[in-house]
Amino acid sequence: EVIVFDKDLKLIRTFGQGSRDGKLKYPAGVAVGNNVIAVSEFRDHVVKKFSLQGDYLSKFGSFGSKDGQFSYPQGLCFNTKGLLYVVDNSNCRVQVFTGIGNNIW
């Protein structure tokens, strides 16, 4: 579950409690950029994308060590060009993706 507060720590919304793909079981990292909220799912080995309002949009990744796959993804960060950096914990690397989830390196 992701909990969103305003600058005064007043609750704005929560999301990720839904069913199926929109449900977050083991969220480990979150980043906001490209008008989406990206959340890494540690044990599901994917990154899920939500709208700024918290609606589920899509996911990418799977378990493994090939490009575009993860083994316990954690930290996320968007750069100023909209690329998403994902810390791929057990593969000991950082992967970079376009805003739609295509692996760059």
C-alpha atoms as a PDB file:
ATOM      1  CA  GLU A   1       0.000   0.000   0.000  1.00  0.00           C
ATOM      2  CA  VAL A   2       1.179   3.525  -0.799  1.00  0.00           C
ATOM      3  CA  ILE A   3       0.048   6.347   1.457  1.00  0.00           C
ATOM      4  CA  VAL A   4       0.138   9.907   0.087  1.00  0.00           C
ATOM      5  CA  PHE A   5       0.281  12.944   2.391  1.00  0.00           C
ATOM      6  CA  ASP A   6       0.350  16.660   1.668  1.00  0.00           C
ATOM      7  CA  LYS A   7       3.109  18.966   2.938  1.00  0.00           C
ATOM      8  CA  ASP A   8       1.306  19.316   6.286  1.00  0.00           C
ATOM      9  CA  LEU A   9       1.130  15.506   6.654  1.00  0.00           C
ATOM     10  CA  LYS A  10      -2.580  15.444   6.010  1.00  0.00           C
ATOM     11  CA  LEU A  11      -3.709  12.201   4.367  1.00  0.00           C
ATOM     12  CA  ILE A  12      -4.580  12.680   0.698  1.00  0.00           C
ATOM     13  CA  ARG A  13      -5.089   9.094  -0.515  1.00  0.00           C
ATOM     14  CA  THR A  14      -3.950   5.508  -0.288  1.00  0.00           C
ATOM     15  CA  PHE A  15      -3.657   3.023  -3.122  1.00  0.00           C
ATOM     16  CA  GLY A  16      -2.346  -0.421  -3.896  1.00  0.00           C
ATOM     17  CA  GLN A  17      -4.897  -2.321  -1.822  1.00  0.00           C
ATOM     18  CA  GLY A  18      -6.814  -3.425  -4.927  1.00  0.00           C
ATOM     19  CA  SER A  19      -6.990  -6.844  -6.420  1.00  0.00           C
ATOM     20  CA  ARG A  20      -4.821  -8.637  -8.936  1.00  0.00           C
ATOM     21  CA  ASP A  21      -2.240  -6.459 -10.701  1.00  0.00           C
ATOM     22  CA  GLY A  22      -3.150  -3.257  -8.855  1.00  0.00           C
ATOM     23  CA  LYS A  23      -2.488  -4.796  -5.445  1.00  0.00           C
ATOM     24  CA  LEU A  24       0.854  -4.104  -3.776  1.00  0.00           C
ATOM     25  CA  LYS A  25       2.123  -6.945  -1.607  1.00  0.00           C
ATOM     26  CA  TYR A  26       5.779  -6.066  -0.990  1.00  0.00           C
ATOM     27  CA  PRO A  27       6.417  -2.465  -2.100  1.00  0.00           C
ATOM     28  CA  ALA A  28      10.052  -1.492  -1.631  1.00  0.00           C
ATOM     29  CA  GLY A  29      10.624   1.709  -3.588  1.00  0.00           C
ATOM     30  CA  VAL A  30       8.611   4.560  -5.032  1.00  0.00           C
ATOM     31  CA  ALA A  31       9.339   7.341  -7.525  1.00  0.00           C
ATOM     32  CA  VAL A  32       7.228  10.006  -9.184  1.00  0.00           C
ATOM     33  CA  GLY A  33       7.946  11.191 -12.726  1.00  0.00           C
ATOM     34  CA  ASN A  34       6.472  11.291 -16.237  1.00  0.00           C
ATOM     35  CA  ASN A  35       3.045  11.821 -14.636  1.00  0.00           C
ATOM     36  CA  VAL A  36       3.138   8.348 -13.056  1.00  0.00           C
ATOM     37  CA  ILE A  37       3.991   6.800  -9.714  1.00  0.00           C
ATOM     38  CA  ALA A  38       6.342   3.831 -10.076  1.00  0.00           C
ATOM     39  CA  VAL A  39       6.511   1.256  -7.269  1.00  0.00           C
ATOM     40  CA  SER A  40       8.962  -1.648  -7.061  1.00  0.00           C
ATOM     41  CA  GLU A  41       7.501  -4.937  -5.842  1.00  0.00           C
ATOM     42  CA  PHE A  42      10.329  -6.642  -3.957  1.00  0.00           C
ATOM     43  CA  ARG A  43       9.132 -10.258  -3.929  1.00  0.00           C
ATOM     44  CA  ASP A  44       7.151 -10.147  -7.178  1.00  0.00           C
ATOM     45  CA  HIS A  45      10.220  -8.874  -9.088  1.00  0.00           C
ATOM     46  CA  VAL A  46       8.311  -6.210 -11.042  1.00  0.00           C
ATOM     47  CA  VAL A  47       7.799  -2.460 -11.226  1.00  0.00           C
ATOM     48  CA  LYS A  48       4.169  -1.317 -11.205  1.00  0.00           C
ATOM     49  CA  LYS A  49       3.001   2.004 -12.605  1.00  0.00           C
ATOM     50  CA  PHE A  50       0.064   3.987 -11.237  1.00  0.00           C
ATOM     51  CA  SER A  51      -1.522   7.276 -12.279  1.00  0.00           C
ATOM     52  CA  LEU A  52      -0.965  10.269 -10.023  1.00  0.00           C
ATOM     53  CA  GLN A  53      -4.440   9.535  -8.640  1.00  0.00           C
ATOM     54  CA  GLY A  54      -3.409   5.974  -7.718  1.00  0.00           C
ATOM     55  CA  ASP A  55      -5.086   4.035 -10.522  1.00  0.00           C
ATOM     56  CA  TYR A  56      -3.166   0.959 -11.711  1.00  0.00           C
ATOM     57  CA  LEU A  57      -1.748   1.397 -15.229  1.00  0.00           C
ATOM     58  CA  SER A  58       0.735  -1.381 -15.994  1.00  0.00           C
ATOM     59  CA  LYS A  59       3.710  -3.386 -14.808  1.00  0.00           C
ATOM     60  CA  PHE A  60       6.981  -4.572 -16.296  1.00  0.00           C
ATOM     61  CA  GLY A  61       9.720  -7.012 -15.391  1.00  0.00           C
ATOM     62  CA  SER A  62       9.842 -10.586 -14.155  1.00  0.00           C
ATOM     63  CA  PHE A  63      12.167 -12.731 -12.059  1.00  0.00           C
ATOM     64  CA  GLY A  64      15.587 -13.363 -13.581  1.00  0.00           C
ATOM     65  CA  SER A  65      18.938 -11.880 -14.472  1.00  0.00           C
ATOM     66  CA  LYS A  66      18.421 -10.948 -18.127  1.00  0.00           C
ATOM     67  CA  ASP A  67      17.908  -7.361 -19.269  1.00  0.00           C
ATOM     68  CA  GLY A  68      14.498  -6.186 -18.104  1.00  0.00           C
ATOM     69  CA  GLN A  69      14.279  -8.849 -15.385  1.00  0.00           C
ATOM     70  CA  PHE A  70      14.755  -8.303 -11.658  1.00  0.00           C
ATOM     71  CA  SER A  71      15.804 -10.124  -8.544  1.00  0.00           C
ATOM     72  CA  TYR A  72      14.315  -8.184  -5.622  1.00  0.00           C
ATOM     73  CA  PRO A  73      14.075  -4.653  -7.084  1.00  0.00           C
ATOM     74  CA  GLN A  74      14.240  -1.861  -4.541  1.00  0.00           C
ATOM     75  CA  GLY A  75      15.062   1.833  -5.031  1.00  0.00           C
ATOM     76  CA  LEU A  76      13.623   3.810  -7.921  1.00  0.00           C
ATOM     77  CA  CYS A  77      14.406   7.236  -9.337  1.00  0.00           C
ATOM     78  CA  PHE A  78      13.352   9.234 -12.401  1.00  0.00           C
ATOM     79  CA  ASN A  79      15.971  11.525 -13.931  1.00  0.00           C
ATOM     80  CA  THR A  80      15.233  14.890 -15.553  1.00  0.00           C
ATOM     81  CA  LYS A  81      14.847  13.203 -18.965  1.00  0.00           C
ATOM     82  CA  GLY A  82      12.150  10.858 -17.662  1.00  0.00           C
ATOM     83  CA  LEU A  83      14.273   7.724 -17.524  1.00  0.00           C
ATOM     84  CA  LEU A  84      13.547   5.361 -14.634  1.00  0.00           C
ATOM     85  CA  TYR A  85      16.506   3.914 -12.695  1.00  0.00           C
ATOM     86  CA  VAL A  86      15.789   0.675 -10.811  1.00  0.00           C
ATOM     87  CA  VAL A  87      18.106  -0.826  -8.193  1.00  0.00           C
ATOM     88  CA  ASP A  88      18.105  -4.544  -9.018  1.00  0.00           C
ATOM     89  CA  ASN A  89      19.232  -5.743  -5.603  1.00  0.00           C
ATOM     90  CA  SER A  90      20.223  -9.414  -5.913  1.00  0.00           C
ATOM     91  CA  ASN A  91      21.531  -8.973  -9.460  1.00  0.00           C
ATOM     92  CA  CYS A  92      23.891  -6.276  -8.099  1.00  0.00           C
ATOM     93  CA  ARG A  93      23.094  -3.726 -10.793  1.00  0.00           C
ATOM     94  CA  VAL A  94      21.063  -0.670 -11.710  1.00  0.00           C
ATOM     95  CA  GLN A  95      18.845  -0.934 -14.778  1.00  0.00           C
ATOM     96  CA  VAL A  96      17.537   2.034 -16.759  1.00  0.00           C
ATOM     97  CA  PHE A  97      14.147   2.120 -18.480  1.00  0.00           C
ATOM     98  CA  THR A  98      12.164   4.454 -20.689  1.00  0.00           C
ATOM     99  CA  GLY A  99       8.898   5.807 -19.333  1.00  0.00           C
ATOM    100  CA  ILE A 100       7.003   2.902 -20.878  1.00  0.00           C
ATOM    101  CA  GLY A 101       9.262   0.248 -19.376  1.00  0.00           C
ATOM    102  CA  ASN A 102      11.674  -0.509 -22.217  1.00  0.00           C
ATOM    103  CA  ASN A 103      15.124  -1.460 -20.921  1.00  0.00           C
ATOM    104  CA  ILE A 104      17.928   0.831 -22.087  1.00  0.00           C
ATOM    105  CA  TRP A 105      20.830  -0.619 -20.087  1.00  0.00           C
END
